[in-house]
PDB file of N, CA and C in Angstrom:
ATOM      1  N   MET A   1     114.938 134.724  91.230  1.00  0.00           N
ATOM      2  CA  MET A   1     113.608 134.651  90.636  1.00  0.00           C
ATOM      3  C   MET A   1     113.554 135.577  89.426  1.00  0.00           C
ATOM      4  N   ASP A   2     113.019 135.060  88.317  1.00  0.00           N
ATOM      5  CA  ASP A   2     112.917 135.839  87.086  1.00  0.00           C
ATOM      6  C   ASP A   2     111.573 136.563  87.076  1.00  0.00           C
ATOM      7  N   GLU A   3     111.612 137.879  87.191  1.00  0.00           N
ATOM      8  CA  GLU A   3     110.375 138.659  87.247  1.00  0.00           C
ATOM      9  C   GLU A   3     110.063 139.342  85.929  1.00  0.00           C
ATOM     10  N   LYS A   4     110.681 138.887  84.850  1.00  0.00           N
ATOM     11  CA  LYS A   4     110.397 139.453  83.536  1.00  0.00           C
ATOM     12  C   LYS A   4     109.305 138.635  82.860  1.00  0.00           C
ATOM     13  N   PRO A   5     108.479 139.295  82.067  1.00  0.00           N
ATOM     14  CA  PRO A   5     107.453 138.544  81.330  1.00  0.00           C
ATOM     15  C   PRO A   5     108.089 137.779  80.164  1.00  0.00           C
ATOM     16  N   LEU A   6     107.329 136.884  79.602  1.00  0.00           N
ATOM     17  CA  LEU A   6     107.759 136.185  78.390  1.00  0.00           C
ATOM     18  C   LEU A   6     108.001 137.194  77.283  1.00  0.00           C
ATOM     19  N   ALA A   7     108.863 136.837  76.365  1.00  0.00           N
ATOM     20  CA  ALA A   7     109.047 137.666  75.174  1.00  0.00           C
ATOM     21  C   ALA A   7     107.714 137.742  74.427  1.00  0.00           C
ATOM     22  N   ARG A   8     107.456 138.864  73.788  1.00  0.00           N
ATOM     23  CA  ARG A   8     106.170 139.087  73.124  1.00  0.00           C
ATOM     24  C   ARG A   8     105.849 138.006  72.085  1.00  0.00           C
ATOM     25  N   ALA A   9     106.816 137.647  71.265  1.00  0.00           N
ATOM     26  CA  ALA A   9     106.571 136.646  70.218  1.00  0.00           C
ATOM     27  C   ALA A   9     106.182 135.298  70.831  1.00  0.00           C
ATOM     28  N   GLU A  10     106.866 134.926  71.891  1.00  0.00           N
ATOM     29  CA  GLU A  10     106.559 133.667  72.573  1.00  0.00           C
ATOM     30  C   GLU A  10     105.170 133.726  73.211  1.00  0.00           C
ATOM     31  N   ALA A  11     104.849 134.845  73.836  1.00  0.00           N
ATOM     32  CA  ALA A  11     103.529 135.018  74.452  1.00  0.00           C
ATOM     33  C   ALA A  11     102.422 134.956  73.404  1.00  0.00           C
ATOM     34  N   GLU A  12     102.653 135.546  72.237  1.00  0.00           N
ATOM     35  CA  GLU A  12     101.643 135.512  71.174  1.00  0.00           C
ATOM     36  C   GLU A  12     101.434 134.095  70.652  1.00  0.00           C
ATOM     37  N   GLU A  13     102.525 133.335  70.527  1.00  0.00           N
ATOM     38  CA  GLU A  13     102.398 131.935  70.080  1.00  0.00           C
ATOM     39  C   GLU A  13     101.578 131.133  71.078  1.00  0.00           C
ATOM     40  N   TYR A  14     101.891 131.248  72.364  1.00  0.00           N
ATOM     41  CA  TYR A  14     101.136 130.524  73.384  1.00  0.00           C
ATOM     42  C   TYR A  14      99.682 130.983  73.424  1.00  0.00           C
ATOM     43  N   ALA A  15      99.455 132.268  73.253  1.00  0.00           N
ATOM     44  CA  ALA A  15      98.080 132.783  73.260  1.00  0.00           C
ATOM     45  C   ALA A  15      97.270 132.158  72.125  1.00  0.00           C
ATOM     46  N   SER A  16      97.897 131.961  70.968  1.00  0.00           N
ATOM     47  CA  SER A  16      97.168 131.335  69.853  1.00  0.00           C
ATOM     48  C   SER A  16      96.805 129.894  70.196  1.00  0.00           C
ATOM     49  N   TRP A  17      97.660 129.204  70.933  1.00  0.00           N
ATOM     50  CA  TRP A  17      97.345 127.830  71.338  1.00  0.00           C
ATOM     51  C   TRP A  17      96.174 127.809  72.311  1.00  0.00           C
ATOM     52  N   PHE A  18      96.242 128.688  73.331  1.00  0.00           N
ATOM     53  CA  PHE A  18      95.164 128.729  74.312  1.00  0.00           C
ATOM     54  C   PHE A  18      93.844 129.138  73.648  1.00  0.00           C
ATOM     55  N   LYS A  19      93.920 130.081  72.729  1.00  0.00           N
ATOM     56  CA  LYS A  19      92.712 130.527  72.024  1.00  0.00           C
ATOM     57  C   LYS A  19      92.109 129.388  71.210  1.00  0.00           C
ATOM     58  N   ALA A  20      92.952 128.607  70.561  1.00  0.00           N
ATOM     59  CA  ALA A  20      92.461 127.486  69.755  1.00  0.00           C
ATOM     60  C   ALA A  20      91.745 126.447  70.605  1.00  0.00           C
ATOM     61  N   LEU A  21      92.142 126.328  71.853  1.00  0.00           N
ATOM     62  CA  LEU A  21      91.517 125.341  72.737  1.00  0.00           C
ATOM     63  C   LEU A  21      90.448 125.948  73.649  1.00  0.00           C
ATOM     64  N   ALA A  22      90.096 127.199  73.416  1.00  0.00           N
ATOM     65  CA  ALA A  22      89.137 127.892  74.282  1.00  0.00           C
ATOM     66  C   ALA A  22      87.698 127.680  73.834  1.00  0.00           C
ATOM     67  N   ASP A  23      87.398 126.482  73.373  1.00  0.00           N
ATOM     68  CA  ASP A  23      86.041 126.160  72.936  1.00  0.00           C
ATOM     69  C   ASP A  23      85.804 124.682  73.235  1.00  0.00           C
ATOM     70  N   ALA A  24      84.670 124.377  73.850  1.00  0.00           N
ATOM     71  CA  ALA A  24      84.379 122.993  74.246  1.00  0.00           C
ATOM     72  C   ALA A  24      84.338 122.049  73.047  1.00  0.00           C
ATOM     73  N   THR A  25      83.787 122.496  71.917  1.00  0.00           N
ATOM     74  CA  THR A  25      83.722 121.635  70.729  1.00  0.00           C
ATOM     75  C   THR A  25      85.121 121.325  70.211  1.00  0.00           C
ATOM     76  N   ARG A  26      86.002 122.315  70.215  1.00  0.00           N
ATOM     77  CA  ARG A  26      87.372 122.062  69.755  1.00  0.00           C
ATOM     78  C   ARG A  26      88.089 121.096  70.700  1.00  0.00           C
ATOM     79  N   ILE A  27      87.860 121.221  71.993  1.00  0.00           N
ATOM     80  CA  ILE A  27      88.438 120.271  72.951  1.00  0.00           C
ATOM     81  C   ILE A  27      87.918 118.866  72.650  1.00  0.00           C
ATOM     82  N   GLN A  28      86.630 118.751  72.351  1.00  0.00           N
ATOM     83  CA  GLN A  28      86.057 117.444  72.030  1.00  0.00           C
ATOM     84  C   GLN A  28      86.686 116.861  70.761  1.00  0.00           C
ATOM     85  N   ILE A  29      86.902 117.691  69.764  1.00  0.00           N
ATOM     86  CA  ILE A  29      87.504 117.222  68.509  1.00  0.00           C
ATOM     87  C   ILE A  29      88.936 116.764  68.754  1.00  0.00           C
ATOM     88  N   VAL A  30      89.711 117.542  69.487  1.00  0.00           N
ATOM     89  CA  VAL A  30      91.093 117.153  69.806  1.00  0.00           C
ATOM     90  C   VAL A  30      91.088 115.836  70.572  1.00  0.00           C
ATOM     91  N   SER A  31      90.203 115.722  71.549  1.00  0.00           N
ATOM     92  CA  SER A  31      90.098 114.496  72.340  1.00  0.00           C
ATOM     93  C   SER A  31      89.719 113.305  71.454  1.00  0.00           C
ATOM     94  N   LEU A  32      88.757 113.492  70.583  1.00  0.00           N
ATOM     95  CA  LEU A  32      88.314 112.426  69.679  1.00  0.00           C
ATOM     96  C   LEU A  32      89.466 111.950  68.799  1.00  0.00           C
ATOM     97  N   LEU A  33      90.165 112.890  68.171  1.00  0.00           N
ATOM     98  CA  LEU A  33      91.260 112.515  67.283  1.00  0.00           C
ATOM     99  C   LEU A  33      92.410 111.860  68.046  1.00  0.00           C
ATOM    100  N   ALA A  34      92.690 112.350  69.237  1.00  0.00           N
ATOM    101  CA  ALA A  34      93.762 111.760  70.042  1.00  0.00           C
ATOM    102  C   ALA A  34      93.404 110.339  70.472  1.00  0.00           C
ATOM    103  N   ARG A  35      92.164 110.126  70.841  1.00  0.00           N
ATOM    104  CA  ARG A  35      91.740 108.803  71.299  1.00  0.00           C
ATOM    105  C   ARG A  35      91.555 107.824  70.145  1.00  0.00           C
ATOM    106  N   ALA A  36      91.164 108.330  68.984  1.00  0.00           N
ATOM    107  CA  ALA A  36      90.976 107.464  67.817  1.00  0.00           C
ATOM    108  C   ALA A  36      92.306 106.895  67.335  1.00  0.00           C
ATOM    109  N   ARG A  37      93.354 107.678  67.495  1.00  0.00           N
ATOM    110  CA  ARG A  37      94.695 107.279  67.067  1.00  0.00           C
ATOM    111  C   ARG A  37      94.761 106.898  65.588  1.00  0.00           C
ATOM    112  N   ARG A  38      93.918 107.549  64.800  1.00  0.00           N
ATOM    113  CA  ARG A  38      93.916 107.347  63.355  1.00  0.00           C
ATOM    114  C   ARG A  38      93.319 108.581  62.705  1.00  0.00           C
ATOM    115  N   PRO A  39      93.651 108.822  61.450  1.00  0.00           N
ATOM    116  CA  PRO A  39      93.020 109.942  60.742  1.00  0.00           C
ATOM    117  C   PRO A  39      91.521 109.698  60.579  1.00  0.00           C
ATOM    118  N   MET A  40      90.752 110.773  60.632  1.00  0.00           N
ATOM    119  CA  MET A  40      89.295 110.677  60.491  1.00  0.00           C
ATOM    120  C   MET A  40      88.805 111.699  59.476  1.00  0.00           C
ATOM    121  N   THR A  41      87.725 111.358  58.807  1.00  0.00           N
ATOM    122  CA  THR A  41      87.098 112.302  57.886  1.00  0.00           C
ATOM    123  C   THR A  41      86.213 113.260  58.677  1.00  0.00           C
ATOM    124  N   VAL A  42      85.842 114.348  58.041  1.00  0.00           N
ATOM    125  CA  VAL A  42      84.920 115.295  58.673  1.00  0.00           C
ATOM    126  C   VAL A  42      83.614 114.580  59.015  1.00  0.00           C
ATOM    127  N   GLY A  43      83.146 113.731  58.111  1.00  0.00           N
ATOM    128  CA  GLY A  43      81.906 112.985  58.354  1.00  0.00           C
ATOM    129  C   GLY A  43      81.976 112.121  59.601  1.00  0.00           C
ATOM    130  N   GLU A  44      83.112 111.458  59.801  1.00  0.00           N
ATOM    131  CA  GLU A  44      83.279 110.636  61.004  1.00  0.00           C
ATOM    132  C   GLU A  44      83.290 111.505  62.256  1.00  0.00           C
ATOM    133  N   ILE A  45      83.926 112.654  62.164  1.00  0.00           N
ATOM    134  CA  ILE A  45      83.983 113.562  63.309  1.00  0.00           C
ATOM    135  C   ILE A  45      82.589 114.116  63.605  1.00  0.00           C
ATOM    136  N   VAL A  46      81.838 114.452  62.560  1.00  0.00           N
ATOM    137  CA  VAL A  46      80.456 114.930  62.723  1.00  0.00           C
ATOM    138  C   VAL A  46      79.621 113.872  63.439  1.00  0.00           C
ATOM    139  N   THR A  47      79.702 112.638  62.973  1.00  0.00           N
ATOM    140  CA  THR A  47      78.920 111.552  63.562  1.00  0.00           C
ATOM    141  C   THR A  47      79.289 111.338  65.029  1.00  0.00           C
ATOM    142  N   ALA A  48      80.577 111.318  65.311  1.00  0.00           N
ATOM    143  CA  ALA A  48      81.034 111.061  66.678  1.00  0.00           C
ATOM    144  C   ALA A  48      80.716 112.214  67.625  1.00  0.00           C
ATOM    145  N   SER A  49      80.776 113.446  67.119  1.00  0.00           N
ATOM    146  CA  SER A  49      80.602 114.612  67.987  1.00  0.00           C
ATOM    147  C   SER A  49      79.156 115.081  68.101  1.00  0.00           C
ATOM    148  N   GLY A  50      78.348 114.750  67.110  1.00  0.00           N
ATOM    149  CA  GLY A  50      76.967 115.216  67.116  1.00  0.00           C
ATOM    150  C   GLY A  50      76.828 116.687  66.763  1.00  0.00           C
ATOM    151  N   VAL A  51      77.874 117.262  66.186  1.00  0.00           N
ATOM    152  CA  VAL A  51      77.885 118.664  65.789  1.00  0.00           C
ATOM    153  C   VAL A  51      77.769 118.717  64.269  1.00  0.00           C
ATOM    154  N   GLY A  52      77.146 119.748  63.744  1.00  0.00           N
ATOM    155  CA  GLY A  52      76.949 119.877  62.303  1.00  0.00           C
ATOM    156  C   GLY A  52      78.246 119.968  61.513  1.00  0.00           C
ATOM    157  N   GLN A  53      78.151 119.603  60.226  1.00  0.00           N
ATOM    158  CA  GLN A  53      79.325 119.563  59.362  1.00  0.00           C
ATOM    159  C   GLN A  53      80.003 120.913  59.224  1.00  0.00           C
ATOM    160  N   SER A  54      79.247 121.975  59.039  1.00  0.00           N
ATOM    161  CA  SER A  54      79.871 123.288  58.863  1.00  0.00           C
ATOM    162  C   SER A  54      80.570 123.740  60.150  1.00  0.00           C
ATOM    163  N   THR A  55      79.990 123.415  61.288  1.00  0.00           N
ATOM    164  CA  THR A  55      80.599 123.771  62.569  1.00  0.00           C
ATOM    165  C   THR A  55      81.888 122.988  62.790  1.00  0.00           C
ATOM    166  N   VAL A  56      81.855 121.688  62.503  1.00  0.00           N
ATOM    167  CA  VAL A  56      83.060 120.860  62.644  1.00  0.00           C
ATOM    168  C   VAL A  56      84.148 121.374  61.715  1.00  0.00           C
ATOM    169  N   SER A  57      83.800 121.680  60.470  1.00  0.00           N
ATOM    170  CA  SER A  57      84.787 122.190  59.515  1.00  0.00           C
ATOM    171  C   SER A  57      85.408 123.494  60.008  1.00  0.00           C
ATOM    172  N   HIS A  58      84.594 124.376  60.549  1.00  0.00           N
ATOM    173  CA  HIS A  58      85.081 125.644  61.097  1.00  0.00           C
ATOM    174  C   HIS A  58      86.087 125.390  62.227  1.00  0.00           C
ATOM    175  N   HIS A  59      85.730 124.507  63.144  1.00  0.00           N
ATOM    176  CA  HIS A  59      86.612 124.222  64.268  1.00  0.00           C
ATOM    177  C   HIS A  59      87.889 123.523  63.822  1.00  0.00           C
ATOM    178  N   LEU A  60      87.784 122.625  62.850  1.00  0.00           N
ATOM    179  CA  LEU A  60      88.980 121.962  62.332  1.00  0.00           C
ATOM    180  C   LEU A  60      89.937 122.964  61.693  1.00  0.00           C
ATOM    181  N   LYS A  61      89.395 123.964  61.026  1.00  0.00           N
ATOM    182  CA  LYS A  61      90.232 125.001  60.416  1.00  0.00           C
ATOM    183  C   LYS A  61      91.032 125.737  61.500  1.00  0.00           C
ATOM    184  N   ILE A  62      90.377 126.093  62.586  1.00  0.00           N
ATOM    185  CA  ILE A  62      91.048 126.792  63.690  1.00  0.00           C
ATOM    186  C   ILE A  62      92.108 125.890  64.320  1.00  0.00           C
ATOM    187  N   LEU A  63      91.768 124.632  64.546  1.00  0.00           N
ATOM    188  CA  LEU A  63      92.719 123.698  65.138  1.00  0.00           C
ATOM    189  C   LEU A  63      93.910 123.442  64.223  1.00  0.00           C
ATOM    190  N   ALA A  64      93.665 123.416  62.920  1.00  0.00           N
ATOM    191  CA  ALA A  64      94.751 123.221  61.957  1.00  0.00           C
ATOM    192  C   ALA A  64      95.660 124.447  61.913  1.00  0.00           C
ATOM    193  N   GLU A  65      95.082 125.641  61.993  1.00  0.00           N
ATOM    194  CA  GLU A  65      95.890 126.865  62.004  1.00  0.00           C
ATOM    195  C   GLU A  65      96.817 126.904  63.217  1.00  0.00           C
ATOM    196  N   ALA A  66      96.350 126.373  64.340  1.00  0.00           N
ATOM    197  CA  ALA A  66      97.175 126.323  65.554  1.00  0.00           C
ATOM    198  C   ALA A  66      98.072 125.079  65.568  1.00  0.00           C
ATOM    199  N   ARG A  67      97.929 124.249  64.564  1.00  0.00           N
ATOM    200  CA  ARG A  67      98.716 123.029  64.373  1.00  0.00           C
ATOM    201  C   ARG A  67      98.398 121.928  65.385  1.00  0.00           C
ATOM    202  N   PHE A  68      97.231 121.975  66.015  1.00  0.00           N
ATOM    203  CA  PHE A  68      96.820 120.883  66.889  1.00  0.00           C
ATOM    204  C   PHE A  68      96.345 119.684  66.077  1.00  0.00           C
ATOM    205  N   VAL A  69      95.817 119.932  64.886  1.00  0.00           N
ATOM    206  CA  VAL A  69      95.443 118.851  63.981  1.00  0.00           C
ATOM    207  C   VAL A  69      96.142 119.068  62.644  1.00  0.00           C
ATOM    208  N   LEU A  70      96.354 117.961  61.951  1.00  0.00           N
ATOM    209  CA  LEU A  70      96.988 117.991  60.639  1.00  0.00           C
ATOM    210  C   LEU A  70      96.009 117.451  59.611  1.00  0.00           C
ATOM    211  N   LEU A  71      96.061 118.006  58.422  1.00  0.00           N
ATOM    212  CA  LEU A  71      95.183 117.607  57.327  1.00  0.00           C
ATOM    213  C   LEU A  71      95.985 116.799  56.322  1.00  0.00           C
ATOM    214  N   ASP A  72      95.469 115.620  56.000  1.00  0.00           N
ATOM    215  CA  ASP A  72      96.046 114.777  54.959  1.00  0.00           C
ATOM    216  C   ASP A  72      95.005 114.635  53.862  1.00  0.00           C
ATOM    217  N   ARG A  73      95.384 114.965  52.648  1.00  0.00           N
ATOM    218  CA  ARG A  73      94.466 114.809  51.515  1.00  0.00           C
ATOM    219  C   ARG A  73      94.787 113.505  50.804  1.00  0.00           C
ATOM    220  N   GLN A  74      93.758 112.700  50.602  1.00  0.00           N
ATOM    221  CA  GLN A  74      93.890 111.446  49.864  1.00  0.00           C
ATOM    222  C   GLN A  74      92.833 111.450  48.776  1.00  0.00           C
ATOM    223  N   GLY A  75      93.261 111.810  47.566  1.00  0.00           N
ATOM    224  CA  GLY A  75      92.300 111.949  46.476  1.00  0.00           C
ATOM    225  C   GLY A  75      91.356 113.089  46.781  1.00  0.00           C
ATOM    226  N   THR A  76      90.061 112.779  46.807  1.00  0.00           N
ATOM    227  CA  THR A  76      89.067 113.806  47.115  1.00  0.00           C
ATOM    228  C   THR A  76      88.714 113.850  48.604  1.00  0.00           C
ATOM    229  N   SER A  77      89.322 112.964  49.381  1.00  0.00           N
ATOM    230  CA  SER A  77      89.031 112.907  50.817  1.00  0.00           C
ATOM    231  C   SER A  77      90.019 113.750  51.612  1.00  0.00           C
ATOM    232  N   SER A  78      89.521 114.355  52.673  1.00  0.00           N
ATOM    233  CA  SER A  78      90.355 115.086  53.629  1.00  0.00           C
ATOM    234  C   SER A  78      90.303 114.333  54.944  1.00  0.00           C
ATOM    235  N   LEU A  79      91.469 113.935  55.418  1.00  0.00           N
ATOM    236  CA  LEU A  79      91.559 113.211  56.680  1.00  0.00           C
ATOM    237  C   LEU A  79      92.285 114.074  57.699  1.00  0.00           C
ATOM    238  N   TYR A  80      91.723 114.156  58.884  1.00  0.00           N
ATOM    239  CA  TYR A  80      92.313 114.943  59.957  1.00  0.00           C
ATOM    240  C   TYR A  80      92.877 113.999  61.005  1.00  0.00           C
ATOM    241  N   ARG A  81      94.049 114.371  61.535  1.00  0.00           N
ATOM    242  CA  ARG A  81      94.674 113.586  62.588  1.00  0.00           C
ATOM    243  C   ARG A  81      95.286 114.531  63.607  1.00  0.00           C
ATOM    244  N   ILE A  82      95.478 114.001  64.794  1.00  0.00           N
ATOM    245  CA  ILE A  82      96.064 114.796  65.866  1.00  0.00           C
ATOM    246  C   ILE A  82      97.542 115.034  65.553  1.00  0.00           C
ATOM    247  N   ASN A  83      98.044 116.191  65.905  1.00  0.00           N
ATOM    248  CA  ASN A  83      99.466 116.482  65.778  1.00  0.00           C
ATOM    249  C   ASN A  83     100.095 116.191  67.134  1.00  0.00           C
ATOM    250  N   GLU A  84     100.625 114.995  67.269  1.00  0.00           N
ATOM    251  CA  GLU A  84     101.183 114.554  68.553  1.00  0.00           C
ATOM    252  C   GLU A  84     102.243 115.524  69.084  1.00  0.00           C
ATOM    253  N   ASN A  85     103.090 116.048  68.207  1.00  0.00           N
ATOM    254  CA  ASN A  85     104.148 116.966  68.653  1.00  0.00           C
ATOM    255  C   ASN A  85     103.563 118.199  69.317  1.00  0.00           C
ATOM    256  N   CYS A  86     102.546 118.778  68.715  1.00  0.00           N
ATOM    257  CA  CYS A  86     101.964 120.011  69.235  1.00  0.00           C
ATOM    258  C   CYS A  86     101.172 119.747  70.517  1.00  0.00           C
ATOM    259  N   VAL A  87     100.365 118.712  70.505  1.00  0.00           N
ATOM    260  CA  VAL A  87      99.535 118.417  71.670  1.00  0.00           C
ATOM    261  C   VAL A  87     100.395 118.029  72.863  1.00  0.00           C
ATOM    262  N   SER A  88     101.468 117.292  72.622  1.00  0.00           N
ATOM    263  CA  SER A  88     102.308 116.866  73.744  1.00  0.00           C
ATOM    264  C   SER A  88     103.074 118.030  74.370  1.00  0.00           C
ATOM    265  N   CYS A  89     103.330 119.095  73.600  1.00  0.00           N
ATOM    266  CA  CYS A  89     104.071 120.217  74.189  1.00  0.00           C
ATOM    267  C   CYS A  89     103.139 121.246  74.822  1.00  0.00           C
ATOM    268  N   PHE A  90     101.837 121.099  74.695  1.00  0.00           N
ATOM    269  CA  PHE A  90     100.910 122.069  75.277  1.00  0.00           C
ATOM    270  C   PHE A  90     101.049 122.192  76.796  1.00  0.00           C
ATOM    271  N   PRO A  91     101.145 121.076  77.562  1.00  0.00           N
ATOM    272  CA  PRO A  91     101.335 121.241  79.007  1.00  0.00           C
ATOM    273  C   PRO A  91     102.616 121.996  79.342  1.00  0.00           C
ATOM    274  N   THR A  92     103.657 121.802  78.567  1.00  0.00           N
ATOM    275  CA  THR A  92     104.895 122.534  78.784  1.00  0.00           C
ATOM    276  C   THR A  92     104.670 124.025  78.554  1.00  0.00           C
ATOM    277  N   ALA A  93     103.874 124.366  77.541  1.00  0.00           N
ATOM    278  CA  ALA A  93     103.562 125.770  77.278  1.00  0.00           C
ATOM    279  C   ALA A  93     102.861 126.382  78.481  1.00  0.00           C
ATOM    280  N   ALA A  94     101.927 125.650  79.073  1.00  0.00           N
ATOM    281  CA  ALA A  94     101.226 126.150  80.262  1.00  0.00           C
ATOM    282  C   ALA A  94     102.219 126.368  81.402  1.00  0.00           C
ATOM    283  N   ASP A  95     103.167 125.452  81.560  1.00  0.00           N
ATOM    284  CA  ASP A  95     104.184 125.617  82.601  1.00  0.00           C
ATOM    285  C   ASP A  95     105.029 126.861  82.357  1.00  0.00           C
ATOM    286  N   VAL A  96     105.417 127.082  81.113  1.00  0.00           N
ATOM    287  CA  VAL A  96     106.229 128.253  80.775  1.00  0.00           C
ATOM    288  C   VAL A  96     105.475 129.536  81.132  1.00  0.00           C
ATOM    289  N   VAL A  97     104.217 129.592  80.739  1.00  0.00           N
ATOM    290  CA  VAL A  97     103.413 130.782  81.006  1.00  0.00           C
ATOM    291  C   VAL A  97     103.307 131.033  82.510  1.00  0.00           C
ATOM    292  N   MET A  98     103.220 129.963  83.292  1.00  0.00           N
ATOM    293  CA  MET A  98     103.078 130.091  84.741  1.00  0.00           C
ATOM    294  C   MET A  98     104.417 130.275  85.452  1.00  0.00           C
ATOM    295  N   GLY A  99     105.519 130.287  84.688  1.00  0.00           N
ATOM    296  CA  GLY A  99     106.828 130.529  85.271  1.00  0.00           C
ATOM    297  C   GLY A  99     107.469 129.316  85.907  1.00  0.00           C
ATOM    298  N   LYS A 100     106.947 128.124  85.630  1.00  0.00           N
ATOM    299  CA  LYS A 100     107.535 126.909  86.177  1.00  0.00           C
ATOM    300  C   LYS A 100     108.728 126.497  85.324  1.00  0.00           C
ATOM    301  N   PRO A 101     109.739 125.896  85.943  1.00  0.00           N
ATOM    302  CA  PRO A 101     110.898 125.458  85.156  1.00  0.00           C
ATOM    303  C   PRO A 101     110.515 124.302  84.233  1.00  0.00           C
ATOM    304  N   VAL A 102     111.045 124.345  83.030  1.00  0.00           N
ATOM    305  CA  VAL A 102     110.809 123.275  82.057  1.00  0.00           C
ATOM    306  C   VAL A 102     112.151 122.858  81.478  1.00  0.00           C
ATOM    307  N   PRO A 103     112.276 121.585  81.052  1.00  0.00           N
ATOM    308  CA  PRO A 103     113.560 121.114  80.566  1.00  0.00           C
ATOM    309  C   PRO A 103     114.013 121.770  79.259  1.00  0.00           C
ATOM    310  N   ASP A 104     113.141 121.868  78.285  1.00  0.00           N
ATOM    311  CA  ASP A 104     113.467 122.458  76.984  1.00  0.00           C
ATOM    312  C   ASP A 104     112.301 123.313  76.537  1.00  0.00           C
ATOM    313  N   PRO A 105     112.584 124.368  75.768  1.00  0.00           N
ATOM    314  CA  PRO A 105     111.469 125.149  75.250  1.00  0.00           C
ATOM    315  C   PRO A 105     110.632 124.296  74.316  1.00  0.00           C
ATOM    316  N   PRO A 106     109.306 124.394  74.396  1.00  0.00           N
ATOM    317  CA  PRO A 106     108.446 123.590  73.535  1.00  0.00           C
ATOM    318  C   PRO A 106     108.533 124.045  72.081  1.00  0.00           C
ATOM    319  N   VAL A 107     108.453 123.087  71.194  1.00  0.00           N
ATOM    320  CA  VAL A 107     108.431 123.380  69.756  1.00  0.00           C
ATOM    321  C   VAL A 107     107.240 122.639  69.180  1.00  0.00           C
ATOM    322  N   CYS A 108     106.378 123.354  68.558  1.00  0.00           N
ATOM    323  CA  CYS A 108     105.180 122.752  67.976  1.00  0.00           C
ATOM    324  C   CYS A 108     105.320 122.796  66.463  1.00  0.00           C
ATOM    325  N   ASP A 109     105.669 121.663  65.874  1.00  0.00           N
ATOM    326  CA  ASP A 109     105.823 121.566  64.420  1.00  0.00           C
ATOM    327  C   ASP A 109     104.620 120.954  63.780  1.00  0.00           C
TER     328      ASP A 109
END
């Protein structure tokens, strides 16, 4: 049994992921983008979520910093989409933190 904690750098990376998802509105935005399966504008996200534009923009910034969402600029439009690589490795990150065996270390690009 391995009784050592995670390396500090790895723990800090996982903590940033958990922190990014530690808000109900951000969970809703991630869920919306994942279910839409297409890039969406801030306006579309505002309409779907019922949350104000400045609040949605704030949450999108946090999600983008954690790489859960990606920003695509098309002319003057900003389109947000889910980062499948990052979101799919999140459950593995939870397993790592809990000390469960995982096949490969997660990489969130």
